[in-house]
Amino acid sequence: MTAELLARIQFAFTAGFHFIFPPMSIGLGIILVIMEGLYLKTKDPLYHKMTRFWVLVFALTFSVGVATGIPLEFQFGTNWSTYSRYVGDIFGSALAAEGVFAFFLESGFLAILVFGWNKVSPKMHFFSTCMVSLGSMFSAIWIIVANSWQQTPAGYRIETLADGTTRARITDFWAMVFNPSTVDRLTHTVVGAFLTGAMVVVSVSAYYMLKKRHLEFARASMKIGITVAMLASLGQLWLGHDSTIGVAKNQPEKFAAMEGHFKTGQPIDLTLMGTVNTETGEVNGIKIPGLAGQLLGPEAATQVGLNDIPKDEQPPVAPVFQSFRLMVAIGVFMILLTVVGFIQAMRGKLETNNLLLKVMVVSVALPHVANMAGWMAAEVGRQPWSVYGLLRTSESHSKVVSAGQIAGSLTMFILLYALLSFLFFYLLDKRIKLGPDVDYEEPEPEWLSKVPFQEKAKSEVTQ
């Protein structure tokens, strides 16, 4: 294998593994805000117990997510130095903003969230929960801003350096931030993260119901989780549609690959499932004639087809075509599952429906698969460009790093991430099997939370 191909495999592997955890953190963060908010409103100790249990799951997810994200930044300097030199002024500013506005906010309040139950007032603890959740979303914002700029560059100029190389420089920071694809991709990704985190709650709650354990906890957690999951999955219908229209306007090559559209001006069919033949320019499968064009709107008549796109500017069609359909299929299934589950839960009949509960337990993996499929459609669909229309991927990798060096580091990453996977799933499984009652303490009386910290500490020592 060439150094370029190995570098791409390494980045895809490490980024894909890392991408398992941030969506869960974002989704669990909003769940924690809801649960603790309900505790403050109702003073029901059950919500306090729920929050404490899911805080530990969140902390485990956050920790592994941070650990797996660090290697990605180093690869920009080792394997992709040409790319880093070209976009450093733009990509670096977004990553710096992510560190300042997101990571420090999230990690700064994390200690209070995990360890501050009896150290700060309930309102201060709830504020910390909100800040951690907000920080996780801020992190997504800046990462997606940077990635979206690669998809639809804006607010920049190209300058030539003394050595004859070129690089992009920011001319309008806010145009860079709100480039044509940022908002569509951000909302689609964050709501997908809400669904991912909510399905973790749904899966664990369904497991407890099947085992007839912690039923009061499971019922309450299920109602919150399935409600968030249903709203998120329904929201993805609209957000995904808007995102697809944005792709058609801003990256016609990617849209043509997603829909298997070959002939400009030809009605665009909606292919539910099938295969695409790039040699003959045909798509075989189950289709609804012209529906994709109707959903796209008036611009469908002029939508460029793959036949009119130079071969060296076409993305790999089959992976983009199939990954897009996989994402959509899972999205439709999640709508059906969450709507049926919500109705059953509200009617109090979910506990007796073992088949539905078993489906819910294993469906925790589906949002992850959809996230990966969507990421593949977006990133593979951008090829052959690392920065759309400006810098090719073949020109972006480091010229001084050998294939053997990348292969060696890739092997180490595989072994390290295998260990992290084992530790994560072992600790998560242990936490779930121990249940929510382990190490749980009743919340303090309301009057005690109003006593200044110093006086409270003295009273504890005296007792």
Protein backbone atom coordinates (compact mmCIF):
# COMPACT_ATOMS: atom_id res chain seq x y z
CA MET A 1 0.00 0.00 0.00
CA THR A 2 1.09 3.57 -0.62
CA ALA A 3 1.75 6.05 2.17
CA GLU A 4 -1.27 8.09 1.09
CA LEU A 5 -3.65 5.12 1.24
CA LEU A 6 -2.30 4.01 4.63
CA ALA A 7 -2.62 7.55 5.96
CA ARG A 8 -6.23 7.65 4.82
CA ILE A 9 -6.94 4.26 6.40
CA GLN A 10 -5.33 5.33 9.66
CA PHE A 11 -7.30 8.56 9.85
CA ALA A 12 -10.55 6.80 8.93
CA PHE A 13 -9.96 4.15 11.59
CA THR A 14 -9.03 6.53 14.41
CA ALA A 15 -11.71 9.09 13.50
CA GLY A 16 -14.36 6.39 13.16
CA PHE A 17 -13.51 4.87 16.53
CA HIS A 18 -13.47 8.30 18.17
CA PHE A 19 -16.81 9.17 16.60
CA ILE A 20 -18.48 6.46 18.69
CA PHE A 21 -18.16 8.53 21.86
CA PRO A 22 -18.87 12.26 21.25
CA PRO A 23 -22.44 11.63 20.01
CA MET A 24 -23.14 9.59 23.14
CA SER A 25 -21.68 12.35 25.33
CA ILE A 26 -23.78 15.03 23.63
CA GLY A 27 -26.95 12.94 23.85
CA LEU A 28 -26.40 11.84 27.45
CA GLY A 29 -25.60 15.44 28.37
CA ILE A 30 -29.03 16.68 27.35
CA ILE A 31 -30.63 13.67 29.09
CA LEU A 32 -28.83 14.60 32.33
CA VAL A 33 -30.12 18.17 32.09
CA ILE A 34 -33.68 16.88 31.73
CA MET A 35 -33.38 14.40 34.60
CA GLU A 36 -31.75 16.78 37.07
CA GLY A 37 -34.13 19.55 36.05
CA LEU A 38 -37.04 17.26 36.90
CA TYR A 39 -35.44 16.52 40.27
CA LEU A 40 -35.13 20.21 41.10
CA LYS A 41 -38.73 20.78 40.06
CA THR A 42 -40.35 17.75 41.74
CA LYS A 43 -37.88 16.93 44.56
CA ASP A 44 -38.52 13.28 43.69
CA PRO A 45 -35.46 11.23 44.84
CA LEU A 46 -36.00 8.89 41.87
CA TYR A 47 -34.81 11.60 39.47
CA HIS A 48 -31.81 12.21 41.71
CA LYS A 49 -30.95 8.51 41.54
CA MET A 50 -31.38 8.50 37.77
CA THR A 51 -29.11 11.50 37.34
CA ARG A 52 -26.37 9.99 39.50
CA PHE A 53 -26.46 6.73 37.59
CA TRP A 54 -26.28 8.32 34.14
CA VAL A 55 -23.61 10.79 35.24
CA LEU A 56 -21.23 7.85 35.73
CA VAL A 57 -22.03 6.50 32.27
CA PHE A 58 -21.49 9.99 30.83
CA ALA A 59 -18.14 10.36 32.62
CA LEU A 60 -16.92 7.02 31.25
CA THR A 61 -17.98 7.97 27.72
CA PHE A 62 -16.43 11.42 27.97
CA SER A 63 -13.11 10.02 29.23
CA VAL A 64 -12.71 7.52 26.42
CA GLY A 65 -13.83 10.14 23.89
CA VAL A 66 -11.09 12.53 24.99
CA ALA A 67 -8.45 9.81 24.88
CA THR A 68 -9.41 8.67 21.38
CA GLY A 69 -9.63 12.21 20.01
CA ILE A 70 -6.06 13.25 20.79
CA PRO A 71 -4.36 11.13 18.06
CA LEU A 72 -6.46 12.81 15.38
CA GLU A 73 -4.82 16.20 15.92
CA PHE A 74 -1.32 14.72 15.81
CA GLN A 75 -2.03 13.08 12.46
CA PHE A 76 -2.55 16.50 10.89
CA GLY A 77 1.09 17.25 11.59
CA THR A 78 2.55 13.82 10.87
CA ASN A 79 0.59 12.24 8.02
CA TRP A 80 -1.08 15.33 6.54
CA SER A 81 1.47 18.12 6.87
CA THR A 82 0.79 19.54 3.39
CA TYR A 83 -2.89 19.78 4.23
CA SER A 84 -2.11 21.37 7.61
CA ARG A 85 0.13 23.98 5.99
CA TYR A 86 -2.57 24.79 3.46
CA VAL A 87 -5.51 25.15 5.88
CA GLY A 88 -3.68 25.85 9.16
CA ASP A 89 -4.88 29.44 9.41
CA ILE A 90 -8.50 28.33 9.06
CA PHE A 91 -8.60 24.87 10.57
CA GLY A 92 -6.35 25.95 13.45
CA SER A 93 -8.63 28.80 14.47
CA ALA A 94 -11.64 26.47 14.67
CA LEU A 95 -9.74 23.88 16.70
CA ALA A 96 -8.41 26.59 19.02
CA ALA A 97 -11.96 27.88 19.55
CA GLU A 98 -13.05 24.31 20.30
CA GLY A 99 -10.39 24.04 23.00
CA VAL A 100 -11.10 27.43 24.57
CA PHE A 101 -14.87 27.59 24.37
CA ALA A 102 -15.81 23.92 24.53
CA PHE A 103 -13.28 21.59 26.06
CA PHE A 104 -12.38 23.81 29.02
CA LEU A 105 -16.04 24.57 29.70
CA GLU A 106 -16.95 20.90 29.59
CA SER A 107 -13.99 19.57 31.56
CA GLY A 108 -14.00 22.50 34.00
CA PHE A 109 -17.46 21.67 35.30
CA LEU A 110 -17.12 17.89 34.94
CA ALA A 111 -15.54 17.49 38.39
CA ILE A 112 -18.50 19.25 40.01
CA LEU A 113 -20.90 17.13 37.98
CA VAL A 114 -19.28 13.85 39.07
CA PHE A 115 -18.00 14.61 42.57
CA GLY A 116 -19.89 17.68 43.72
CA TRP A 117 -23.18 16.18 44.86
CA ASN A 118 -22.59 16.97 48.53
CA LYS A 119 -20.16 19.83 47.98
CA VAL A 120 -22.33 22.40 46.21
CA SER A 121 -25.99 23.37 46.30
CA PRO A 122 -28.47 21.50 44.06
CA LYS A 123 -28.88 24.58 41.86
CA MET A 124 -25.12 24.96 41.44
CA HIS A 125 -24.84 21.29 40.57
CA PHE A 126 -27.61 21.65 37.99
CA PHE A 127 -25.79 24.66 36.56
CA SER A 128 -22.66 22.50 36.23
CA THR A 129 -24.69 19.83 34.44
CA CYS A 130 -25.97 22.44 31.99
CA MET A 131 -22.45 23.76 31.39
CA VAL A 132 -21.06 20.29 30.71
CA SER A 133 -23.90 19.59 28.26
CA LEU A 134 -23.39 22.97 26.61
CA GLY A 135 -19.65 22.37 26.39
CA SER A 136 -20.17 19.06 24.61
CA MET A 137 -22.35 20.82 22.03
CA PHE A 138 -19.85 23.68 21.64
CA SER A 139 -17.21 21.07 20.87
CA ALA A 140 -19.39 19.68 18.09
CA ILE A 141 -19.99 23.18 16.75
CA TRP A 142 -16.33 24.02 16.17
CA ILE A 143 -15.35 20.63 14.83
CA ILE A 144 -18.23 20.75 12.35
CA VAL A 145 -17.34 24.34 11.41
CA ALA A 146 -13.83 23.17 10.50
CA ASN A 147 -15.09 20.15 8.61
CA SER A 148 -17.83 22.10 6.85
CA TRP A 149 -15.26 24.58 5.58
CA GLN A 150 -13.55 21.67 3.86
CA GLN A 151 -16.87 20.84 2.20
CA THR A 152 -17.89 24.38 1.23
CA PRO A 153 -14.99 26.85 1.62
CA ALA A 154 -15.91 30.51 2.28
CA GLY A 155 -14.37 33.65 3.80
CA TYR A 156 -10.82 32.97 2.57
CA ARG A 157 -8.19 33.95 0.04
CA ILE A 158 -5.35 31.93 -1.46
CA GLU A 159 -1.86 33.37 -1.08
CA THR A 160 1.47 32.20 -2.49
CA LEU A 161 4.39 31.82 -0.08
CA ALA A 162 8.05 32.52 -0.75
CA ASP A 163 8.79 28.85 -1.45
CA GLY A 164 6.12 28.77 -4.14
CA THR A 165 3.54 26.84 -2.10
CA THR A 166 0.05 28.18 -1.48
CA ARG A 167 -2.18 28.35 1.54
CA ALA A 168 -5.65 29.58 2.47
CA ARG A 169 -5.99 32.60 4.76
CA ILE A 170 -9.10 33.87 6.55
CA THR A 171 -10.52 37.09 5.18
CA ASP A 172 -13.90 36.93 6.94
CA PHE A 173 -14.05 34.90 10.16
CA TRP A 174 -17.84 34.74 10.33
CA ALA A 175 -18.15 33.83 6.67
CA MET A 176 -15.77 30.98 7.41
CA VAL A 177 -17.82 29.92 10.44
CA PHE A 178 -21.18 30.18 8.67
CA ASN A 179 -20.05 28.71 5.38
CA PRO A 180 -22.87 27.34 3.18
CA SER A 181 -22.99 23.90 4.80
CA THR A 182 -22.32 24.65 8.49
CA VAL A 183 -25.84 25.10 9.81
CA ASP A 184 -27.35 22.14 7.92
CA ARG A 185 -24.56 19.78 8.92
CA LEU A 186 -24.44 21.03 12.53
CA THR A 187 -28.14 20.60 13.24
CA HIS A 188 -28.25 17.23 11.49
CA THR A 189 -25.25 15.96 13.46
CA VAL A 190 -26.26 17.30 16.89
CA VAL A 191 -29.82 15.98 16.67
CA GLY A 192 -28.33 12.65 15.58
CA ALA A 193 -26.22 12.79 18.75
CA PHE A 194 -29.36 13.38 20.84
CA LEU A 195 -30.81 10.22 19.30
CA THR A 196 -27.60 8.29 19.99
CA GLY A 197 -27.51 9.23 23.68
CA ALA A 198 -31.23 8.71 24.13
CA MET A 199 -31.01 5.20 22.69
CA VAL A 200 -28.38 4.31 25.30
CA VAL A 201 -30.94 5.21 27.97
CA VAL A 202 -33.68 3.32 26.12
CA SER A 203 -31.51 0.22 25.70
CA VAL A 204 -30.47 0.02 29.36
CA SER A 205 -34.02 0.69 30.55
CA ALA A 206 -35.35 -2.04 28.26
CA TYR A 207 -32.71 -4.42 29.62
CA TYR A 208 -33.85 -3.78 33.19
CA MET A 209 -37.46 -4.33 32.17
CA LEU A 210 -36.61 -7.66 30.55
CA LYS A 211 -34.73 -8.73 33.69
CA LYS A 212 -37.53 -7.41 35.97
CA ARG A 213 -34.97 -5.35 37.88
CA HIS A 214 -35.05 -1.72 39.04
CA LEU A 215 -38.47 -1.36 37.42
CA GLU A 216 -39.34 2.04 38.87
CA PHE A 217 -36.01 3.41 37.67
CA ALA A 218 -36.41 1.73 34.27
CA ARG A 219 -39.91 3.10 33.70
CA ALA A 220 -38.91 6.68 34.47
CA SER A 221 -35.69 6.48 32.44
CA MET A 222 -37.51 4.87 29.53
CA LYS A 223 -40.10 7.64 29.34
CA ILE A 224 -37.42 10.31 29.16
CA GLY A 225 -35.18 8.36 26.78
CA ILE A 226 -37.90 7.27 24.37
CA THR A 227 -39.40 10.79 24.26
CA VAL A 228 -36.06 12.37 23.35
CA ALA A 229 -35.33 9.59 20.86
CA MET A 230 -38.71 9.98 19.16
CA LEU A 231 -38.43 13.76 18.85
CA ALA A 232 -34.86 13.48 17.56
CA SER A 233 -35.68 10.78 15.00
CA LEU A 234 -38.69 12.75 13.70
CA GLY A 235 -36.58 15.91 13.56
CA GLN A 236 -34.04 14.14 11.41
CA LEU A 237 -36.63 13.83 8.63
CA TRP A 238 -36.65 17.59 8.15
CA LEU A 239 -32.99 18.22 8.98
CA GLY A 240 -31.78 15.40 6.73
CA HIS A 241 -33.92 16.70 3.88
CA ASP A 242 -32.49 20.21 4.26
CA SER A 243 -28.97 18.84 4.42
CA THR A 244 -29.48 16.85 1.21
CA ILE A 245 -30.79 19.93 -0.60
CA GLY A 246 -27.69 21.79 0.58
CA VAL A 247 -25.47 19.07 -0.86
CA ALA A 248 -27.28 19.28 -4.18
CA LYS A 249 -26.68 23.05 -4.33
CA ASN A 250 -23.11 23.17 -3.05
CA GLN A 251 -21.59 19.81 -4.00
CA PRO A 252 -23.40 18.49 -7.07
CA GLU A 253 -20.83 15.72 -7.59
CA LYS A 254 -21.58 14.31 -4.15
CA PHE A 255 -25.33 14.54 -4.70
CA ALA A 256 -25.03 12.77 -8.05
CA ALA A 257 -23.17 9.93 -6.35
CA MET A 258 -25.66 9.77 -3.46
CA GLU A 259 -28.60 9.40 -5.83
CA GLY A 260 -26.89 7.54 -8.68
CA HIS A 261 -27.80 10.41 -11.01
CA PHE A 262 -25.96 10.10 -14.34
CA LYS A 263 -27.76 12.21 -16.94
CA THR A 264 -28.19 15.96 -16.49
CA GLY A 265 -31.81 16.98 -16.93
CA GLN A 266 -33.13 13.45 -16.51
CA PRO A 267 -35.81 12.98 -13.78
CA ILE A 268 -34.15 11.91 -10.55
CA ASP A 269 -35.68 8.71 -9.17
CA LEU A 270 -35.76 7.91 -5.46
CA THR A 271 -34.00 4.55 -5.14
CA LEU A 272 -35.04 2.81 -1.92
CA MET A 273 -32.50 0.05 -2.33
CA GLY A 274 -30.39 -1.21 -5.20
CA THR A 275 -27.01 -1.16 -6.91
CA VAL A 276 -25.32 1.35 -9.16
CA ASN A 277 -23.36 0.45 -12.30
CA THR A 278 -20.90 3.20 -13.18
CA GLU A 279 -19.97 1.53 -16.47
CA THR A 280 -23.48 1.60 -17.91
CA GLY A 281 -24.75 4.57 -15.92
CA GLU A 282 -27.70 2.63 -14.55
CA VAL A 283 -29.19 2.05 -11.12
CA ASN A 284 -30.97 -1.25 -10.54
CA GLY A 285 -33.29 -1.68 -7.60
CA ILE A 286 -36.56 -0.56 -6.04
CA LYS A 287 -37.34 2.97 -7.21
CA ILE A 288 -40.04 5.58 -6.98
CA PRO A 289 -39.81 7.35 -10.36
CA GLY A 290 -39.06 11.07 -10.18
CA LEU A 291 -39.66 11.40 -6.42
CA ALA A 292 -36.10 12.52 -5.56
CA GLY A 293 -36.41 15.27 -8.13
CA GLN A 294 -39.74 16.40 -6.69
CA LEU A 295 -38.25 16.52 -3.19
CA LEU A 296 -35.31 18.51 -4.51
CA GLY A 297 -37.52 21.11 -6.15
CA PRO A 298 -37.17 23.23 -9.31
CA GLU A 299 -33.39 22.86 -9.39
CA ALA A 300 -33.74 19.14 -10.11
CA ALA A 301 -34.19 19.81 -13.84
CA THR A 302 -30.69 21.30 -14.08
CA GLN A 303 -28.99 19.04 -11.55
CA VAL A 304 -25.72 17.91 -13.06
CA GLY A 305 -25.27 14.19 -13.65
CA LEU A 306 -22.15 12.08 -13.30
CA ASN A 307 -21.80 11.80 -17.08
CA ASP A 308 -21.06 15.53 -17.23
CA ILE A 309 -18.52 15.50 -14.38
CA PRO A 310 -14.87 14.78 -15.29
CA LYS A 311 -13.77 11.34 -14.15
CA ASP A 312 -10.97 12.74 -12.01
CA GLU A 313 -13.49 14.86 -10.07
CA GLN A 314 -16.03 12.12 -9.39
CA PRO A 315 -16.22 10.56 -5.92
CA PRO A 316 -16.33 6.77 -5.53
CA VAL A 317 -19.98 6.28 -6.43
CA ALA A 318 -20.88 2.89 -4.92
CA PRO A 319 -19.73 3.59 -1.30
CA VAL A 320 -21.47 6.98 -1.26
CA PHE A 321 -24.65 5.59 -2.83
CA GLN A 322 -24.93 2.66 -0.41
CA SER A 323 -23.87 4.47 2.78
CA PHE A 324 -26.46 7.19 2.13
CA ARG A 325 -29.19 4.56 1.80
CA LEU A 326 -28.06 2.76 4.91
CA MET A 327 -28.26 6.00 6.91
CA VAL A 328 -31.75 6.79 5.61
CA ALA A 329 -33.01 3.23 6.18
CA ILE A 330 -31.86 3.26 9.80
CA GLY A 331 -33.43 6.68 10.26
CA VAL A 332 -36.81 5.41 9.05
CA PHE A 333 -36.56 2.34 11.28
CA MET A 334 -35.70 4.51 14.30
CA ILE A 335 -38.81 6.62 13.69
CA LEU A 336 -41.01 3.52 13.66
CA LEU A 337 -39.31 2.01 16.71
CA THR A 338 -39.41 5.16 18.84
CA VAL A 339 -42.99 6.11 17.94
CA VAL A 340 -44.26 2.60 18.75
CA GLY A 341 -42.12 2.49 21.89
CA PHE A 342 -43.36 5.90 23.03
CA ILE A 343 -47.00 4.89 22.61
CA GLN A 344 -46.44 1.62 24.46
CA ALA A 345 -44.55 3.34 27.28
CA MET A 346 -47.21 6.01 27.76
CA ARG A 347 -49.91 3.32 27.88
CA GLY A 348 -47.93 1.31 30.43
CA LYS A 349 -47.79 -1.74 28.15
CA LEU A 350 -44.12 -1.70 27.24
CA GLU A 351 -42.99 -3.99 30.09
CA THR A 352 -45.08 -6.86 28.78
CA ASN A 353 -43.88 -6.56 25.18
CA ASN A 354 -40.72 -8.66 25.36
CA LEU A 355 -40.12 -8.63 21.61
CA LEU A 356 -40.13 -4.83 21.46
CA LEU A 357 -37.90 -4.63 24.53
CA LYS A 358 -35.37 -7.00 22.95
CA VAL A 359 -35.35 -4.91 19.77
CA MET A 360 -34.76 -1.79 21.88
CA VAL A 361 -31.82 -3.38 23.68
CA VAL A 362 -29.92 -4.19 20.49
CA SER A 363 -31.03 -1.03 18.66
CA VAL A 364 -28.54 0.98 20.71
CA ALA A 365 -26.06 0.17 17.93
CA LEU A 366 -28.20 1.56 15.10
CA PRO A 367 -27.60 5.30 15.65
CA HIS A 368 -23.86 4.59 15.67
CA VAL A 369 -24.14 2.75 12.37
CA ALA A 370 -26.20 5.61 10.92
CA ASN A 371 -23.65 8.16 12.17
CA MET A 372 -20.83 6.23 10.50
CA ALA A 373 -22.79 5.80 7.28
CA GLY A 374 -23.57 9.50 7.15
CA TRP A 375 -19.93 10.36 7.85
CA MET A 376 -18.85 8.03 5.03
CA ALA A 377 -21.33 9.58 2.60
CA ALA A 378 -20.09 13.07 3.51
CA GLU A 379 -16.34 12.41 3.52
CA VAL A 380 -16.03 9.87 0.71
CA GLY A 381 -18.45 11.99 -1.28
CA ARG A 382 -16.02 14.94 -1.01
CA GLN A 383 -13.28 13.00 -2.79
CA PRO A 384 -11.00 13.51 -4.62
CA TRP A 385 -10.73 16.74 -2.63
CA SER A 386 -9.50 17.22 0.92
CA VAL A 387 -10.67 20.84 0.55
CA TYR A 388 -13.48 20.92 -1.99
CA GLY A 389 -12.35 22.49 -5.24
CA LEU A 390 -9.03 23.71 -3.81
CA LEU A 391 -6.76 20.92 -2.58
CA ARG A 392 -6.78 17.29 -3.65
CA THR A 393 -6.34 14.50 -1.15
CA SER A 394 -3.48 13.08 -3.23
CA GLU A 395 -1.60 16.35 -2.70
CA SER A 396 -2.34 16.65 1.03
CA HIS A 397 -0.33 13.89 2.69
CA SER A 398 3.18 14.24 4.11
CA LYS A 399 5.94 13.45 1.65
CA VAL A 400 8.55 12.54 4.29
CA VAL A 401 6.53 9.90 6.17
CA SER A 402 7.00 6.42 4.75
CA ALA A 403 4.38 3.72 4.29
CA GLY A 404 6.21 1.53 6.83
CA GLN A 405 6.05 4.23 9.49
CA ILE A 406 2.34 4.73 8.99
CA ALA A 407 1.71 0.98 9.00
CA GLY A 408 3.59 0.67 12.29
CA SER A 409 1.63 3.45 13.96
CA LEU A 410 -1.63 2.08 12.56
CA THR A 411 -0.87 -1.31 14.14
CA MET A 412 -0.24 0.36 17.49
CA PHE A 413 -3.50 2.30 17.23
CA ILE A 414 -5.43 -0.88 16.48
CA LEU A 415 -3.98 -2.59 19.56
CA LEU A 416 -4.50 0.46 21.77
CA TYR A 417 -8.08 0.99 20.64
CA ALA A 418 -8.83 -2.70 21.10
CA LEU A 419 -7.72 -2.32 24.72
CA LEU A 420 -9.79 0.85 25.14
CA SER A 421 -12.81 -0.93 23.65
CA PHE A 422 -12.45 -3.79 26.11
CA LEU A 423 -12.10 -1.42 29.07
CA PHE A 424 -15.04 0.73 27.99
CA PHE A 425 -17.47 -2.12 27.43
CA TYR A 426 -16.26 -3.97 30.54
CA LEU A 427 -16.78 -0.93 32.78
CA LEU A 428 -20.08 -0.03 31.12
CA ASP A 429 -21.37 -3.59 31.48
CA LYS A 430 -20.27 -3.67 35.11
CA ARG A 431 -22.00 -0.36 35.85
CA ILE A 432 -25.24 -1.50 34.22
CA LYS A 433 -25.29 -4.87 35.99
CA LEU A 434 -24.60 -3.26 39.38
CA GLY A 435 -27.64 -1.09 38.81
CA PRO A 436 -28.64 2.36 40.02
CA ASP A 437 -28.83 1.52 43.73
CA VAL A 438 -25.10 0.90 44.21
CA ASP A 439 -23.26 3.74 45.99
CA TYR A 440 -26.42 5.81 45.94
CA GLU A 441 -26.96 8.32 48.73
CA GLU A 442 -30.21 10.10 49.44
CA PRO A 443 -30.10 13.80 48.57
CA GLU A 444 -29.41 16.23 51.37
CA PRO A 445 -32.26 18.05 53.07
CA GLU A 446 -33.04 21.28 51.31
CA TRP A 447 -32.16 23.38 54.35
CA LEU A 448 -28.67 21.87 54.55
CA SER A 449 -27.88 22.85 50.98
CA LYS A 450 -28.39 26.50 51.98
CA VAL A 451 -25.79 26.40 54.76
CA PRO A 452 -22.43 27.98 53.80
CA PHE A 453 -19.82 25.37 52.96
CA GLN A 454 -17.55 26.24 55.90
CA GLU A 455 -20.35 25.97 58.49
CA LYS A 456 -21.55 22.73 56.95
CA ALA A 457 -18.06 21.24 57.16
CA LYS A 458 -17.75 22.25 60.80
CA SER A 459 -21.10 20.67 61.66
CA GLU A 460 -20.01 17.42 60.01
CA VAL A 461 -16.77 17.35 61.98
CA THR A 462 -18.61 18.04 65.25
CA GLN A 463 -21.02 15.20 64.59
